[in-house]
């Protein structure tokens, strides 16, 4: 099974688990929504913007895999347009080689599902 099939499968599984509540680590009597935990984790991984941080903490391949996973989560409606547009903006602003590669990967993954506000798009 290739990486893309696995990411699609994981995203669909996460969609099924979205409403599951789990105990908080620091306060076991409290619960938190699985979707919220997943989004927090994806956000944390995405925020590793500097290439040095990516290379130091984990491989570039894993970082790109996380970007693909973010795209797959968007396709199953686990992430909303605002979150994905924010990711795209940050990748565009970074402008290093890894960020541009990730931008291409994310756009390729979500292009069929991406909704653009055409009133805000300037073509000229």
PDB file of N, CA and C in Angstrom:
ATOM      1  N   UNK A   1       0.851  -1.171   0.000  1.00  0.00           N
ATOM      2  CA  UNK A   1       0.000   0.000   0.000  1.00  0.00           C
ATOM      3  C   UNK A   1       0.898   1.235   0.000  1.00  0.00           C
ATOM      4  N   UNK A   2       0.642   2.184  -0.891  1.00  0.00           N
ATOM      5  CA  UNK A   2       1.516   3.350  -0.972  1.00  0.00           C
ATOM      6  C   UNK A   2       1.128   4.419   0.053  1.00  0.00           C
ATOM      7  N   UNK A   3       2.004   5.412   0.170  1.00  0.00           N
ATOM      8  CA  UNK A   3       1.827   6.454   1.183  1.00  0.00           C
ATOM      9  C   UNK A   3       0.506   7.202   1.034  1.00  0.00           C
ATOM     10  N   UNK A   4       0.126   7.529  -0.184  1.00  0.00           N
ATOM     11  CA  UNK A   4      -1.110   8.272  -0.407  1.00  0.00           C
ATOM     12  C   UNK A   4      -2.323   7.481   0.059  1.00  0.00           C
ATOM     13  N   UNK A   5      -2.357   6.187  -0.246  1.00  0.00           N
ATOM     14  CA  UNK A   5      -3.481   5.348   0.209  1.00  0.00           C
ATOM     15  C   UNK A   5      -3.556   5.308   1.731  1.00  0.00           C
ATOM     16  N   UNK A   6      -2.393   5.227   2.371  1.00  0.00           N
ATOM     17  CA  UNK A   6      -2.372   5.224   3.833  1.00  0.00           C
ATOM     18  C   UNK A   6      -2.889   6.544   4.399  1.00  0.00           C
ATOM     19  N   UNK A   7      -2.470   7.660   3.812  1.00  0.00           N
ATOM     20  CA  UNK A   7      -2.917   8.961   4.297  1.00  0.00           C
ATOM     21  C   UNK A   7      -4.427   9.136   4.121  1.00  0.00           C
ATOM     22  N   UNK A   8      -4.939   8.683   3.007  1.00  0.00           N
ATOM     23  CA  UNK A   8      -6.389   8.737   2.766  1.00  0.00           C
ATOM     24  C   UNK A   8      -7.117   7.899   3.814  1.00  0.00           C
ATOM     25  N   UNK A   9      -6.611   6.698   4.071  1.00  0.00           N
ATOM     26  CA  UNK A   9      -7.210   5.805   5.065  1.00  0.00           C
ATOM     27  C   UNK A   9      -7.172   6.426   6.457  1.00  0.00           C
ATOM     28  N   UNK A  10      -6.016   6.992   6.836  1.00  0.00           N
ATOM     29  CA  UNK A  10      -5.891   7.628   8.156  1.00  0.00           C
ATOM     30  C   UNK A  10      -6.836   8.818   8.284  1.00  0.00           C
ATOM     31  N   UNK A  11      -6.961   9.601   7.229  1.00  0.00           N
ATOM     32  CA  UNK A  11      -7.853  10.756   7.277  1.00  0.00           C
ATOM     33  C   UNK A  11      -9.310  10.318   7.443  1.00  0.00           C
ATOM     34  N   UNK A  12      -9.694   9.276   6.735  1.00  0.00           N
ATOM     35  CA  UNK A  12     -11.070   8.762   6.871  1.00  0.00           C
ATOM     36  C   UNK A  12     -11.302   8.195   8.266  1.00  0.00           C
ATOM     37  N   UNK A  13     -10.298   7.512   8.810  1.00  0.00           N
ATOM     38  CA  UNK A  13     -10.418   6.988  10.168  1.00  0.00           C
ATOM     39  C   UNK A  13     -10.562   8.137  11.162  1.00  0.00           C
ATOM     40  N   UNK A  14      -9.782   9.188  10.983  1.00  0.00           N
ATOM     41  CA  UNK A  14      -9.870  10.352  11.874  1.00  0.00           C
ATOM     42  C   UNK A  14     -11.239  11.009  11.776  1.00  0.00           C
ATOM     43  N   UNK A  15     -11.801  11.015  10.581  1.00  0.00           N
ATOM     44  CA  UNK A  15     -13.143  11.572  10.405  1.00  0.00           C
ATOM     45  C   UNK A  15     -14.168  10.771  11.201  1.00  0.00           C
ATOM     46  N   UNK A  16     -14.011   9.460  11.221  1.00  0.00           N
ATOM     47  CA  UNK A  16     -14.913   8.604  12.007  1.00  0.00           C
ATOM     48  C   UNK A  16     -14.742   8.822  13.507  1.00  0.00           C
ATOM     49  N   UNK A  17     -13.532   9.154  13.927  1.00  0.00           N
ATOM     50  CA  UNK A  17     -13.236   9.361  15.350  1.00  0.00           C
ATOM     51  C   UNK A  17     -13.441  10.802  15.806  1.00  0.00           C
ATOM     52  N   UNK A  18     -13.815  11.671  14.905  1.00  0.00           N
ATOM     53  CA  UNK A  18     -13.853  13.117  15.174  1.00  0.00           C
ATOM     54  C   UNK A  18     -14.623  13.495  16.433  1.00  0.00           C
ATOM     55  N   UNK A  19     -15.729  12.866  16.688  1.00  0.00           N
ATOM     56  CA  UNK A  19     -16.557  13.264  17.828  1.00  0.00           C
ATOM     57  C   UNK A  19     -16.247  12.492  19.109  1.00  0.00           C
ATOM     58  N   UNK A  20     -15.322  11.575  19.024  1.00  0.00           N
ATOM     59  CA  UNK A  20     -14.911  10.811  20.203  1.00  0.00           C
ATOM     60  C   UNK A  20     -14.293  11.742  21.241  1.00  0.00           C
ATOM     61  N   UNK A  21     -14.658  11.551  22.497  1.00  0.00           N
ATOM     62  CA  UNK A  21     -14.034  12.333  23.564  1.00  0.00           C
ATOM     63  C   UNK A  21     -13.081  11.435  24.334  1.00  0.00           C
ATOM     64  N   UNK A  22     -11.953  12.008  24.682  1.00  0.00           N
ATOM     65  CA  UNK A  22     -10.929  11.269  25.412  1.00  0.00           C
ATOM     66  C   UNK A  22     -10.516  12.067  26.645  1.00  0.00           C
ATOM     67  N   UNK A  23     -10.021  11.393  27.690  1.00  0.00           N
ATOM     68  CA  UNK A  23      -9.590  12.117  28.895  1.00  0.00           C
ATOM     69  C   UNK A  23      -8.385  13.013  28.613  1.00  0.00           C
ATOM     70  N   UNK A  24      -8.355  14.173  29.259  1.00  0.00           N
ATOM     71  CA  UNK A  24      -7.208  15.075  29.151  1.00  0.00           C
ATOM     72  C   UNK A  24      -6.029  14.469  29.894  1.00  0.00           C
ATOM     73  N   UNK A  25      -4.850  14.702  29.386  1.00  0.00           N
ATOM     74  CA  UNK A  25      -3.644  14.166  30.004  1.00  0.00           C
ATOM     75  C   UNK A  25      -3.427  14.745  31.395  1.00  0.00           C
ATOM     76  N   UNK A  26      -3.574  16.066  31.506  1.00  0.00           N
ATOM     77  CA  UNK A  26      -3.291  16.717  32.784  1.00  0.00           C
ATOM     78  C   UNK A  26      -4.463  16.698  33.760  1.00  0.00           C
ATOM     79  N   UNK A  27      -5.684  16.528  33.250  1.00  0.00           N
ATOM     80  CA  UNK A  27      -6.878  16.448  34.103  1.00  0.00           C
ATOM     81  C   UNK A  27      -7.755  15.286  33.621  1.00  0.00           C
ATOM     82  N   UNK A  28      -7.495  14.074  34.084  1.00  0.00           N
ATOM     83  CA  UNK A  28      -8.227  12.899  33.599  1.00  0.00           C
ATOM     84  C   UNK A  28      -9.748  12.970  33.783  1.00  0.00           C
ATOM     85  N   UNK A  29     -10.208  13.803  34.712  1.00  0.00           N
ATOM     86  CA  UNK A  29     -11.652  13.920  34.910  1.00  0.00           C
ATOM     87  C   UNK A  29     -12.308  14.759  33.798  1.00  0.00           C
ATOM     88  N   UNK A  30     -11.513  15.545  33.090  1.00  0.00           N
ATOM     89  CA  UNK A  30     -12.013  16.332  31.963  1.00  0.00           C
ATOM     90  C   UNK A  30     -11.793  15.567  30.664  1.00  0.00           C
ATOM     91  N   UNK A  31     -12.604  15.869  29.672  1.00  0.00           N
ATOM     92  CA  UNK A  31     -12.443  15.224  28.370  1.00  0.00           C
ATOM     93  C   UNK A  31     -12.235  16.283  27.294  1.00  0.00           C
ATOM     94  N   UNK A  32     -11.674  15.823  26.209  1.00  0.00           N
ATOM     95  CA  UNK A  32     -11.449  16.698  25.058  1.00  0.00           C
ATOM     96  C   UNK A  32     -11.837  15.934  23.802  1.00  0.00           C
ATOM     97  N   UNK A  33     -12.289  16.662  22.812  1.00  0.00           N
ATOM     98  CA  UNK A  33     -12.721  16.120  21.540  1.00  0.00           C
ATOM     99  C   UNK A  33     -11.520  15.670  20.710  1.00  0.00           C
ATOM    100  N   UNK A  34     -11.593  14.485  20.090  1.00  0.00           N
ATOM    101  CA  UNK A  34     -10.506  13.949  19.275  1.00  0.00           C
ATOM    102  C   UNK A  34     -10.143  14.903  18.146  1.00  0.00           C
ATOM    103  N   UNK A  35     -11.139  15.496  17.508  1.00  0.00           N
ATOM    104  CA  UNK A  35     -10.891  16.427  16.400  1.00  0.00           C
ATOM    105  C   UNK A  35     -10.031  17.595  16.867  1.00  0.00           C
ATOM    106  N   UNK A  36     -10.342  18.120  18.038  1.00  0.00           N
ATOM    107  CA  UNK A  36      -9.578  19.251  18.562  1.00  0.00           C
ATOM    108  C   UNK A  36      -8.125  18.850  18.834  1.00  0.00           C
ATOM    109  N   UNK A  37      -7.933  17.673  19.401  1.00  0.00           N
ATOM    110  CA  UNK A  37      -6.574  17.176  19.649  1.00  0.00           C
ATOM    111  C   UNK A  37      -5.799  17.013  18.346  1.00  0.00           C
ATOM    112  N   UNK A  38      -6.453  16.455  17.357  1.00  0.00           N
ATOM    113  CA  UNK A  38      -5.804  16.225  16.072  1.00  0.00           C
ATOM    114  C   UNK A  38      -5.420  17.544  15.404  1.00  0.00           C
ATOM    115  N   UNK A  39      -6.324  18.509  15.413  1.00  0.00           N
ATOM    116  CA  UNK A  39      -6.034  19.808  14.814  1.00  0.00           C
ATOM    117  C   UNK A  39      -4.893  20.493  15.555  1.00  0.00           C
ATOM    118  N   UNK A  40      -4.885  20.387  16.872  1.00  0.00           N
ATOM    119  CA  UNK A  40      -3.792  20.980  17.654  1.00  0.00           C
ATOM    120  C   UNK A  40      -2.453  20.359  17.287  1.00  0.00           C
ATOM    121  N   UNK A  41      -2.432  19.051  17.132  1.00  0.00           N
ATOM    122  CA  UNK A  41      -1.199  18.348  16.782  1.00  0.00           C
ATOM    123  C   UNK A  41      -0.733  18.726  15.376  1.00  0.00           C
ATOM    124  N   UNK A  42      -1.664  18.777  14.432  1.00  0.00           N
ATOM    125  CA  UNK A  42      -1.313  19.170  13.068  1.00  0.00           C
ATOM    126  C   UNK A  42      -0.764  20.596  13.045  1.00  0.00           C
ATOM    127  N   UNK A  43      -1.400  21.466  13.807  1.00  0.00           N
ATOM    128  CA  UNK A  43      -0.950  22.859  13.884  1.00  0.00           C
ATOM    129  C   UNK A  43       0.464  22.941  14.452  1.00  0.00           C
ATOM    130  N   UNK A  44       0.718  22.184  15.506  1.00  0.00           N
ATOM    131  CA  UNK A  44       2.033  22.182  16.126  1.00  0.00           C
ATOM    132  C   UNK A  44       3.105  21.710  15.131  1.00  0.00           C
ATOM    133  N   UNK A  45       2.815  20.645  14.402  1.00  0.00           N
ATOM    134  CA  UNK A  45       3.773  20.130  13.424  1.00  0.00           C
ATOM    135  C   UNK A  45       3.972  21.120  12.278  1.00  0.00           C
ATOM    136  N   UNK A  46       2.888  21.774  11.869  1.00  0.00           N
ATOM    137  CA  UNK A  46       2.972  22.730  10.765  1.00  0.00           C
ATOM    138  C   UNK A  46       3.794  23.953  11.149  1.00  0.00           C
ATOM    139  N   UNK A  47       3.740  24.339  12.411  1.00  0.00           N
ATOM    140  CA  UNK A  47       4.434  25.543  12.860  1.00  0.00           C
ATOM    141  C   UNK A  47       5.954  25.405  12.842  1.00  0.00           C
ATOM    142  N   UNK A  48       6.460  24.205  12.628  1.00  0.00           N
ATOM    143  CA  UNK A  48       7.909  24.020  12.518  1.00  0.00           C
ATOM    144  C   UNK A  48       8.335  24.570  11.167  1.00  0.00           C
ATOM    145  N   UNK A  49       8.399  25.903  11.100  1.00  0.00           N
ATOM    146  CA  UNK A  49       8.587  26.579   9.822  1.00  0.00           C
ATOM    147  C   UNK A  49      10.016  26.560   9.320  1.00  0.00           C
ATOM    148  N   UNK A  50      10.989  26.641  10.198  1.00  0.00           N
ATOM    149  CA  UNK A  50      12.371  26.751   9.757  1.00  0.00           C
ATOM    150  C   UNK A  50      12.900  25.399   9.316  1.00  0.00           C
ATOM    151  N   UNK A  51      13.580  25.396   8.201  1.00  0.00           N
ATOM    152  CA  UNK A  51      14.137  24.152   7.665  1.00  0.00           C
ATOM    153  C   UNK A  51      15.069  23.504   8.684  1.00  0.00           C
ATOM    154  N   UNK A  52      15.838  24.324   9.419  1.00  0.00           N
ATOM    155  CA  UNK A  52      16.742  23.761  10.420  1.00  0.00           C
ATOM    156  C   UNK A  52      15.959  22.955  11.461  1.00  0.00           C
ATOM    157  N   UNK A  53      14.789  23.487  11.863  1.00  0.00           N
ATOM    158  CA  UNK A  53      13.960  22.775  12.835  1.00  0.00           C
ATOM    159  C   UNK A  53      13.449  21.467  12.251  1.00  0.00           C
ATOM    160  N   UNK A  54      13.077  21.499  10.988  1.00  0.00           N
ATOM    161  CA  UNK A  54      12.556  20.300  10.338  1.00  0.00           C
ATOM    162  C   UNK A  54      13.646  19.234  10.267  1.00  0.00           C
ATOM    163  N   UNK A  55      14.830  19.627   9.826  1.00  0.00           N
ATOM    164  CA  UNK A  55      15.929  18.673   9.692  1.00  0.00           C
ATOM    165  C   UNK A  55      16.350  18.157  11.062  1.00  0.00           C
ATOM    166  N   UNK A  56      16.384  19.037  12.045  1.00  0.00           N
ATOM    167  CA  UNK A  56      16.822  18.651  13.383  1.00  0.00           C
ATOM    168  C   UNK A  56      15.806  17.717  14.043  1.00  0.00           C
ATOM    169  N   UNK A  57      14.539  18.042  13.972  1.00  0.00           N
ATOM    170  CA  UNK A  57      13.516  17.286  14.706  1.00  0.00           C
ATOM    171  C   UNK A  57      13.033  16.041  13.965  1.00  0.00           C
ATOM    172  N   UNK A  58      12.862  16.113  12.700  1.00  0.00           N
ATOM    173  CA  UNK A  58      12.461  14.963  11.898  1.00  0.00           C
ATOM    174  C   UNK A  58      12.729  15.267  10.427  1.00  0.00           C
ATOM    175  N   UNK A  59      12.676  14.274   9.606  1.00  0.00           N
ATOM    176  CA  UNK A  59      13.083  14.431   8.215  1.00  0.00           C
ATOM    177  C   UNK A  59      12.126  15.297   7.412  1.00  0.00           C
ATOM    178  N   UNK A  60      12.662  15.857   6.346  1.00  0.00           N
ATOM    179  CA  UNK A  60      11.841  16.646   5.431  1.00  0.00           C
ATOM    180  C   UNK A  60      10.732  15.784   4.833  1.00  0.00           C
ATOM    181  N   UNK A  61      11.025  14.533   4.612  1.00  0.00           N
ATOM    182  CA  UNK A  61      10.015  13.620   4.045  1.00  0.00           C
ATOM    183  C   UNK A  61       8.805  13.511   4.982  1.00  0.00           C
ATOM    184  N   UNK A  62       9.082  13.434   6.273  1.00  0.00           N
ATOM    185  CA  UNK A  62       7.990  13.359   7.248  1.00  0.00           C
ATOM    186  C   UNK A  62       7.198  14.668   7.261  1.00  0.00           C
ATOM    187  N   UNK A  63       7.890  15.795   7.161  1.00  0.00           N
ATOM    188  CA  UNK A  63       7.218  17.098   7.132  1.00  0.00           C
ATOM    189  C   UNK A  63       6.286  17.184   5.918  1.00  0.00           C
ATOM    190  N   UNK A  64       6.777  16.742   4.772  1.00  0.00           N
ATOM    191  CA  UNK A  64       5.951  16.745   3.564  1.00  0.00           C
ATOM    192  C   UNK A  64       4.780  15.781   3.732  1.00  0.00           C
ATOM    193  N   UNK A  65       5.014  14.634   4.377  1.00  0.00           N
ATOM    194  CA  UNK A  65       3.931  13.694   4.666  1.00  0.00           C
ATOM    195  C   UNK A  65       2.863  14.322   5.547  1.00  0.00           C
ATOM    196  N   UNK A  66       3.282  15.129   6.523  1.00  0.00           N
ATOM    197  CA  UNK A  66       2.321  15.837   7.373  1.00  0.00           C
ATOM    198  C   UNK A  66       1.497  16.831   6.558  1.00  0.00           C
ATOM    199  N   UNK A  67       2.127  17.487   5.607  1.00  0.00           N
ATOM    200  CA  UNK A  67       1.402  18.427   4.739  1.00  0.00           C
ATOM    201  C   UNK A  67       0.371  17.667   3.907  1.00  0.00           C
ATOM    202  N   UNK A  68       0.757  16.515   3.378  1.00  0.00           N
ATOM    203  CA  UNK A  68      -0.200  15.689   2.621  1.00  0.00           C
ATOM    204  C   UNK A  68      -1.364  15.262   3.520  1.00  0.00           C
ATOM    205  N   UNK A  69      -1.045  14.899   4.763  1.00  0.00           N
ATOM    206  CA  UNK A  69      -2.084  14.483   5.702  1.00  0.00           C
ATOM    207  C   UNK A  69      -3.038  15.639   5.994  1.00  0.00           C
ATOM    208  N   UNK A  70      -2.514  16.836   6.142  1.00  0.00           N
ATOM    209  CA  UNK A  70      -3.361  18.016   6.333  1.00  0.00           C
ATOM    210  C   UNK A  70      -4.311  18.158   5.140  1.00  0.00           C
ATOM    211  N   UNK A  71      -3.789  17.951   3.944  1.00  0.00           N
ATOM    212  CA  UNK A  71      -4.638  18.013   2.752  1.00  0.00           C
ATOM    213  C   UNK A  71      -5.723  16.952   2.753  1.00  0.00           C
ATOM    214  N   UNK A  72      -5.370  15.742   3.149  1.00  0.00           N
ATOM    215  CA  UNK A  72      -6.364  14.657   3.206  1.00  0.00           C
ATOM    216  C   UNK A  72      -7.416  14.930   4.289  1.00  0.00           C
ATOM    217  N   UNK A  73      -6.997  15.507   5.412  1.00  0.00           N
ATOM    218  CA  UNK A  73      -7.960  15.863   6.455  1.00  0.00           C
ATOM    219  C   UNK A  73      -8.930  16.926   5.947  1.00  0.00           C
ATOM    220  N   UNK A  74      -8.430  17.840   5.149  1.00  0.00           N
ATOM    221  CA  UNK A  74      -9.300  18.864   4.550  1.00  0.00           C
ATOM    222  C   UNK A  74     -10.319  18.215   3.613  1.00  0.00           C
ATOM    223  N   UNK A  75      -9.870  17.252   2.843  1.00  0.00           N
ATOM    224  CA  UNK A  75     -10.763  16.612   1.881  1.00  0.00           C
ATOM    225  C   UNK A  75     -11.909  15.850   2.552  1.00  0.00           C
ATOM    226  N   UNK A  76     -11.686  15.367   3.788  1.00  0.00           N
ATOM    227  CA  UNK A  76     -12.768  14.667   4.500  1.00  0.00           C
ATOM    228  C   UNK A  76     -13.480  15.601   5.488  1.00  0.00           C
ATOM    229  N   UNK A  77     -13.275  16.895   5.296  1.00  0.00           N
ATOM    230  CA  UNK A  77     -13.976  17.937   6.071  1.00  0.00           C
ATOM    231  C   UNK A  77     -13.583  17.987   7.545  1.00  0.00           C
ATOM    232  N   UNK A  78     -12.391  17.482   7.875  1.00  0.00           N
ATOM    233  CA  UNK A  78     -11.893  17.584   9.249  1.00  0.00           C
ATOM    234  C   UNK A  78     -11.286  18.966   9.501  1.00  0.00           C
ATOM    235  N   UNK A  79     -10.805  19.604   8.460  1.00  0.00           N
ATOM    236  CA  UNK A  79     -10.254  20.952   8.550  1.00  0.00           C
ATOM    237  C   UNK A  79     -11.090  21.864   7.672  1.00  0.00           C
ATOM    238  N   UNK A  80     -11.271  23.102   8.131  1.00  0.00           N
ATOM    239  CA  UNK A  80     -12.088  24.028   7.356  1.00  0.00           C
ATOM    240  C   UNK A  80     -11.231  24.875   6.407  1.00  0.00           C
ATOM    241  N   UNK A  81     -11.909  25.661   5.578  1.00  0.00           N
ATOM    242  CA  UNK A  81     -11.220  26.502   4.597  1.00  0.00           C
ATOM    243  C   UNK A  81     -10.253  27.472   5.262  1.00  0.00           C
ATOM    244  N   UNK A  82     -10.648  28.042   6.379  1.00  0.00           N
ATOM    245  CA  UNK A  82      -9.807  29.030   7.065  1.00  0.00           C
ATOM    246  C   UNK A  82      -8.445  28.430   7.426  1.00  0.00           C
ATOM    247  N   UNK A  83      -8.456  27.233   7.983  1.00  0.00           N
ATOM    248  CA  UNK A  83      -7.204  26.590   8.395  1.00  0.00           C
ATOM    249  C   UNK A  83      -6.313  26.335   7.190  1.00  0.00           C
ATOM    250  N   UNK A  84      -6.884  25.808   6.111  1.00  0.00           N
ATOM    251  CA  UNK A  84      -6.086  25.485   4.930  1.00  0.00           C
ATOM    252  C   UNK A  84      -5.584  26.761   4.258  1.00  0.00           C
ATOM    253  N   UNK A  85      -6.407  27.789   4.198  1.00  0.00           N
ATOM    254  CA  UNK A  85      -5.959  29.055   3.605  1.00  0.00           C
ATOM    255  C   UNK A  85      -4.819  29.651   4.436  1.00  0.00           C
ATOM    256  N   UNK A  86      -4.890  29.492   5.751  1.00  0.00           N
ATOM    257  CA  UNK A  86      -3.816  29.960   6.622  1.00  0.00           C
ATOM    258  C   UNK A  86      -2.525  29.197   6.331  1.00  0.00           C
ATOM    259  N   UNK A  87      -2.625  27.890   6.156  1.00  0.00           N
ATOM    260  CA  UNK A  87      -1.452  27.078   5.802  1.00  0.00           C
ATOM    261  C   UNK A  87      -0.857  27.547   4.474  1.00  0.00           C
ATOM    262  N   UNK A  88      -1.714  27.768   3.493  1.00  0.00           N
ATOM    263  CA  UNK A  88      -1.240  28.214   2.184  1.00  0.00           C
ATOM    264  C   UNK A  88      -0.538  29.561   2.287  1.00  0.00           C
ATOM    265  N   UNK A  89      -1.132  30.484   3.048  1.00  0.00           N
ATOM    266  CA  UNK A  89      -0.524  31.811   3.238  1.00  0.00           C
ATOM    267  C   UNK A  89       0.857  31.701   3.868  1.00  0.00           C
ATOM    268  N   UNK A  90       0.974  30.895   4.912  1.00  0.00           N
ATOM    269  CA  UNK A  90       2.256  30.757   5.597  1.00  0.00           C
ATOM    270  C   UNK A  90       3.309  30.109   4.707  1.00  0.00           C
ATOM    271  N   UNK A  91       2.902  29.131   3.925  1.00  0.00           N
ATOM    272  CA  UNK A  91       3.845  28.507   3.011  1.00  0.00           C
ATOM    273  C   UNK A  91       4.295  29.490   1.922  1.00  0.00           C
ATOM    274  N   UNK A  92       3.367  30.304   1.441  1.00  0.00           N
ATOM    275  CA  UNK A  92       3.716  31.310   0.436  1.00  0.00           C
ATOM    276  C   UNK A  92       4.670  32.356   0.999  1.00  0.00           C
ATOM    277  N   UNK A  93       4.456  32.760   2.231  1.00  0.00           N
ATOM    278  CA  UNK A  93       5.291  33.801   2.844  1.00  0.00           C
ATOM    279  C   UNK A  93       6.690  33.287   3.174  1.00  0.00           C
ATOM    280  N   UNK A  94       6.828  32.004   3.476  1.00  0.00           N
ATOM    281  CA  UNK A  94       8.114  31.453   3.882  1.00  0.00           C
ATOM    282  C   UNK A  94       9.135  31.501   2.748  1.00  0.00           C
ATOM    283  N   UNK A  95       8.752  31.060   1.584  1.00  0.00           N
ATOM    284  CA  UNK A  95       9.537  31.135   0.351  1.00  0.00           C
ATOM    285  C   UNK A  95      10.886  30.420   0.368  1.00  0.00           C
ATOM    286  N   UNK A  96      11.075  29.446   1.252  1.00  0.00           N
ATOM    287  CA  UNK A  96      12.275  28.623   1.108  1.00  0.00           C
ATOM    288  C   UNK A  96      11.892  27.395   0.268  1.00  0.00           C
ATOM    289  N   UNK A  97      12.883  26.616  -0.091  1.00  0.00           N
ATOM    290  CA  UNK A  97      12.647  25.493  -0.994  1.00  0.00           C
ATOM    291  C   UNK A  97      11.651  24.479  -0.424  1.00  0.00           C
ATOM    292  N   UNK A  98      11.788  24.150   0.857  1.00  0.00           N
ATOM    293  CA  UNK A  98      10.882  23.186   1.482  1.00  0.00           C
ATOM    294  C   UNK A  98       9.454  23.727   1.537  1.00  0.00           C
ATOM    295  N   UNK A  99       9.310  25.001   1.874  1.00  0.00           N
ATOM    296  CA  UNK A  99       7.975  25.605   1.945  1.00  0.00           C
ATOM    297  C   UNK A  99       7.302  25.594   0.576  1.00  0.00           C
ATOM    298  N   UNK A 100       8.049  25.905  -0.464  1.00  0.00           N
ATOM    299  CA  UNK A 100       7.472  25.898  -1.810  1.00  0.00           C
ATOM    300  C   UNK A 100       7.109  24.484  -2.263  1.00  0.00           C
ATOM    301  N   UNK A 101       7.938  23.507  -1.896  1.00  0.00           N
ATOM    302  CA  UNK A 101       7.604  22.114  -2.214  1.00  0.00           C
ATOM    303  C   UNK A 101       6.327  21.702  -1.485  1.00  0.00           C
ATOM    304  N   UNK A 102       6.224  22.089  -0.216  1.00  0.00           N
ATOM    305  CA  UNK A 102       5.028  21.766   0.570  1.00  0.00           C
ATOM    306  C   UNK A 102       3.793  22.473   0.017  1.00  0.00           C
ATOM    307  N   UNK A 103       3.965  23.700  -0.442  1.00  0.00           N
ATOM    308  CA  UNK A 103       2.866  24.430  -1.062  1.00  0.00           C
ATOM    309  C   UNK A 103       2.347  23.674  -2.285  1.00  0.00           C
ATOM    310  N   UNK A 104       3.256  23.207  -3.128  1.00  0.00           N
ATOM    311  CA  UNK A 104       2.864  22.436  -4.314  1.00  0.00           C
ATOM    312  C   UNK A 104       2.151  21.144  -3.921  1.00  0.00           C
ATOM    313  N   UNK A 105       2.682  20.472  -2.903  1.00  0.00           N
ATOM    314  CA  UNK A 105       2.084  19.217  -2.439  1.00  0.00           C
ATOM    315  C   UNK A 105       0.672  19.471  -1.914  1.00  0.00           C
ATOM    316  N   UNK A 106       0.509  20.503  -1.094  1.00  0.00           N
ATOM    317  CA  UNK A 106      -0.802  20.804  -0.519  1.00  0.00           C
ATOM    318  C   UNK A 106      -1.800  21.196  -1.604  1.00  0.00           C
ATOM    319  N   UNK A 107      -1.380  22.040  -2.526  1.00  0.00           N
ATOM    320  CA  UNK A 107      -2.281  22.441  -3.613  1.00  0.00           C
ATOM    321  C   UNK A 107      -2.661  21.260  -4.500  1.00  0.00           C
ATOM    322  N   UNK A 108      -1.714  20.391  -4.764  1.00  0.00           N
ATOM    323  CA  UNK A 108      -2.001  19.195  -5.561  1.00  0.00           C
ATOM    324  C   UNK A 108      -3.003  18.294  -4.843  1.00  0.00           C
ATOM    325  N   UNK A 109      -2.849  18.179  -3.538  1.00  0.00           N
ATOM    326  CA  UNK A 109      -3.729  17.310  -2.745  1.00  0.00           C
ATOM    327  C   UNK A 109      -5.149  17.848  -2.672  1.00  0.00           C
ATOM    328  N   UNK A 110      -5.299  19.153  -2.508  1.00  0.00           N
ATOM    329  CA  UNK A 110      -6.629  19.715  -2.222  1.00  0.00           C
ATOM    330  C   UNK A 110      -7.254  20.486  -3.368  1.00  0.00           C
ATOM    331  N   UNK A 111      -6.575  20.583  -4.493  1.00  0.00           N
ATOM    332  CA  UNK A 111      -7.026  21.485  -5.556  1.00  0.00           C
ATOM    333  C   UNK A 111      -8.468  21.245  -5.999  1.00  0.00           C
ATOM    334  N   UNK A 112      -8.908  20.010  -6.040  1.00  0.00           N
ATOM    335  CA  UNK A 112     -10.274  19.730  -6.480  1.00  0.00           C
ATOM    336  C   UNK A 112     -11.316  20.173  -5.453  1.00  0.00           C
ATOM    337  N   UNK A 113     -10.923  20.236  -4.182  1.00  0.00           N
ATOM    338  CA  UNK A 113     -11.853  20.561  -3.113  1.00  0.00           C
ATOM    339  C   UNK A 113     -11.721  21.991  -2.597  1.00  0.00           C
ATOM    340  N   UNK A 114     -10.667  22.682  -2.993  1.00  0.00           N
ATOM    341  CA  UNK A 114     -10.384  24.010  -2.467  1.00  0.00           C
ATOM    342  C   UNK A 114     -11.412  25.020  -2.950  1.00  0.00           C
ATOM    343  N   UNK A 115     -11.948  25.748  -2.002  1.00  0.00           N
ATOM    344  CA  UNK A 115     -12.900  26.796  -2.336  1.00  0.00           C
ATOM    345  C   UNK A 115     -12.198  28.137  -2.213  1.00  0.00           C
ATOM    346  N   UNK A 116     -12.275  28.920  -3.283  1.00  0.00           N
ATOM    347  CA  UNK A 116     -11.687  30.247  -3.266  1.00  0.00           C
ATOM    348  C   UNK A 116     -12.785  31.281  -3.264  1.00  0.00           C
ATOM    349  N   UNK A 117     -12.562  32.343  -2.520  1.00  0.00           N
ATOM    350  CA  UNK A 117     -13.489  33.460  -2.537  1.00  0.00           C
ATOM    351  C   UNK A 117     -13.093  34.321  -3.729  1.00  0.00           C
ATOM    352  N   UNK A 118     -13.832  34.181  -4.821  1.00  0.00           N
ATOM    353  CA  UNK A 118     -13.457  34.850  -6.059  1.00  0.00           C
ATOM    354  C   UNK A 118     -13.535  36.366  -5.961  1.00  0.00           C
ATOM    355  N   UNK A 119     -14.252  36.882  -4.985  1.00  0.00           N
ATOM    356  CA  UNK A 119     -14.307  38.335  -4.812  1.00  0.00           C
ATOM    357  C   UNK A 119     -12.993  38.872  -4.280  1.00  0.00           C
ATOM    358  N   UNK A 120     -12.171  38.015  -3.648  1.00  0.00           N
ATOM    359  CA  UNK A 120     -10.890  38.439  -3.089  1.00  0.00           C
ATOM    360  C   UNK A 120      -9.717  38.083  -3.978  1.00  0.00           C
ATOM    361  N   UNK A 121      -9.967  37.357  -5.057  1.00  0.00           N
ATOM    362  CA  UNK A 121      -8.884  36.940  -5.932  1.00  0.00           C
ATOM    363  C   UNK A 121      -8.659  38.020  -6.983  1.00  0.00           C
ATOM    364  N   UNK A 122      -7.437  38.502  -7.035  1.00  0.00           N
ATOM    365  CA  UNK A 122      -7.072  39.501  -8.039  1.00  0.00           C
ATOM    366  C   UNK A 122      -6.272  38.812  -9.128  1.00  0.00           C
ATOM    367  N   UNK A 123      -6.769  38.855 -10.345  1.00  0.00           N
ATOM    368  CA  UNK A 123      -6.092  38.175 -11.440  1.00  0.00           C
ATOM    369  C   UNK A 123      -5.117  39.090 -12.147  1.00  0.00           C
ATOM    370  N   UNK A 124      -5.138  40.375 -11.856  1.00  0.00           N
ATOM    371  CA  UNK A 124      -4.251  41.313 -12.562  1.00  0.00           C
ATOM    372  C   UNK A 124      -3.349  41.986 -11.622  1.00  0.00           C
TER     373      UNK A 124
END
